[in-house]
């Protein structure tokens, strides 16, 4: 199995807004949700709008464009039938740095 991909130091993650990270496969967002570091796609599954300015609540990620709410931890869209779910992957932390498995990174970048 390939080595996990290093993303960012844990202390760079916010609880109010996500941090954009460019990976070898494309951009993703990382944040702290309920104290856990997570990754999710850089674009909303509804209209592919950027999630760079998404609002993070304790248990959801809110798209800044259409205000669709994606529940943590499974990414279910809470308030819109025509919007798909958001892929959310929990990150591994080693020595104060966040890592994502290659298979999880593929799911996040592809959005499914």
Foldseek 3Di string as FASTA:
>chain_A
DDDWAWWFFLVPAEQFFWDWTQDPLGIWTWHAALNFIKIWAQAFQQPRHGRRGWTHDNFWTARPPPRFTAGPPCQCGDPDPRGHGIQMGTWDDDPRTTTGHPVSVVCRHVRD
